[in-house]
C-alpha atoms as a PDB file:
ATOM      1  CA  MET A   1      -4.027   0.794 -17.143  1.00  0.00           C
ATOM      2  CA  LYS A   2      -2.904   1.677 -13.336  1.00  0.00           C
ATOM      3  CA  THR A   3      -4.592   0.476 -10.434  1.00  0.00           C
ATOM      4  CA  LEU A   4      -3.687   1.549  -6.800  1.00  0.00           C
ATOM      5  CA  PHE A   5      -4.402  -0.814  -3.836  1.00  0.00           C
ATOM      6  CA  ILE A   6      -3.960   0.685  -0.533  1.00  0.00           C
ATOM      7  CA  GLY A   7      -4.397  -0.461   3.107  1.00  0.00           C
ATOM      8  CA  GLY A   8      -2.603  -1.428   6.305  1.00  0.00           C
ATOM      9  CA  ILE A   9       0.441  -3.821   6.987  1.00  0.00           C
ATOM     10  CA  LYS A  10      -0.513  -7.266   6.077  1.00  0.00           C
ATOM     11  CA  SER A  11      -4.264  -6.464   4.928  1.00  0.00           C
ATOM     12  CA  GLY A  12      -4.171  -8.368   1.768  1.00  0.00           C
ATOM     13  CA  LYS A  13      -3.269  -5.744  -0.607  1.00  0.00           C
ATOM     14  CA  SER A  14      -0.679  -8.077  -2.770  1.00  0.00           C
ATOM     15  CA  ARG A  15      -3.242 -11.009  -2.842  1.00  0.00           C
ATOM     16  CA  ASN A  16      -6.215  -8.762  -3.819  1.00  0.00           C
ATOM     17  CA  ALA A  17      -3.994  -7.107  -6.553  1.00  0.00           C
ATOM     18  CA  GLU A  18      -3.180 -10.441  -7.823  1.00  0.00           C
ATOM     19  CA  ILE A  19      -6.837 -11.754  -7.861  1.00  0.00           C
ATOM     20  CA  TYR A  20      -7.761  -8.525  -9.779  1.00  0.00           C
ATOM     21  CA  ILE A  21      -4.796  -8.643 -12.192  1.00  0.00           C
ATOM     22  CA  LYS A  22      -5.662 -12.393 -13.206  1.00  0.00           C
ATOM     23  CA  LYS A  23      -9.039 -11.435 -14.163  1.00  0.00           C
ATOM     24  CA  LEU A  24      -8.229  -8.944 -16.746  1.00  0.00           C
ATOM     25  CA  THR A  25      -4.721 -10.355 -18.191  1.00  0.00           C
ATOM     26  CA  ASN A  26      -2.459 -13.449 -18.128  1.00  0.00           C
ATOM     27  CA  LYS A  27       0.427 -11.137 -18.197  1.00  0.00           C
ATOM     28  CA  LYS A  28       2.737 -11.098 -15.377  1.00  0.00           C
ATOM     29  CA  PRO A  29       1.897  -8.403 -12.969  1.00  0.00           C
ATOM     30  CA  LEU A  30       4.438  -5.629 -11.880  1.00  0.00           C
ATOM     31  CA  TYR A  31       4.642  -4.790  -8.197  1.00  0.00           C
ATOM     32  CA  LEU A  32       5.597  -1.564  -6.793  1.00  0.00           C
ATOM     33  CA  ALA A  33       5.964  -1.571  -2.786  1.00  0.00           C
ATOM     34  CA  THR A  34       6.832   1.196  -0.643  1.00  0.00           C
ATOM     35  CA  THR A  35       7.325   0.934   3.215  1.00  0.00           C
ATOM     36  CA  GLN A  36       9.474   1.978   5.861  1.00  0.00           C
ATOM     37  CA  PHE A  37      11.672  -0.502   7.664  1.00  0.00           C
ATOM     38  CA  ILE A  38      10.420  -0.483  11.164  1.00  0.00           C
ATOM     39  CA  ASP A  39      11.964  -3.582  12.725  1.00  0.00           C
ATOM     40  CA  ASP A  40      13.703  -6.636  11.836  1.00  0.00           C
ATOM     41  CA  GLU A  41      10.372  -8.472  11.403  1.00  0.00           C
ATOM     42  CA  MET A  42       9.395  -6.122   8.589  1.00  0.00           C
ATOM     43  CA  LYS A  43      12.897  -6.461   6.762  1.00  0.00           C
ATOM     44  CA  ALA A  44      12.327 -10.190   6.889  1.00  0.00           C
ATOM     45  CA  ASP A  45       8.705  -9.972   5.566  1.00  0.00           C
ATOM     46  CA  CYS A  46       9.853  -7.637   2.714  1.00  0.00           C
ATOM     47  CA  LYS A  47      12.983  -9.979   1.704  1.00  0.00           C
ATOM     48  CA  THR A  48      10.415 -12.794   1.642  1.00  0.00           C
ATOM     49  CA  PHE A  49       7.829 -10.931  -0.375  1.00  0.00           C
ATOM     50  CA  SER A  50      10.316  -9.671  -2.965  1.00  0.00           C
ATOM     51  CA  THR A  51      11.623 -13.378  -3.344  1.00  0.00           C
ATOM     52  CA  ILE A  52       8.356 -14.664  -4.060  1.00  0.00           C
ATOM     53  CA  LYS A  53       7.345 -12.012  -6.508  1.00  0.00           C
ATOM     54  CA  THR A  54      10.588 -12.147  -8.726  1.00  0.00           C
END
């Protein structure tokens, strides 16, 4: 099964996806995130996110 969560920056997509997948299975979710690094804040957020999710 594939499910796509879309939304703006910091709209809660990851949180909503985690809640959704945890209701369906106990397997570790696979994350696919795409973005453009617009500024240093965005770069830092992406680095933090990837550290938390691995």
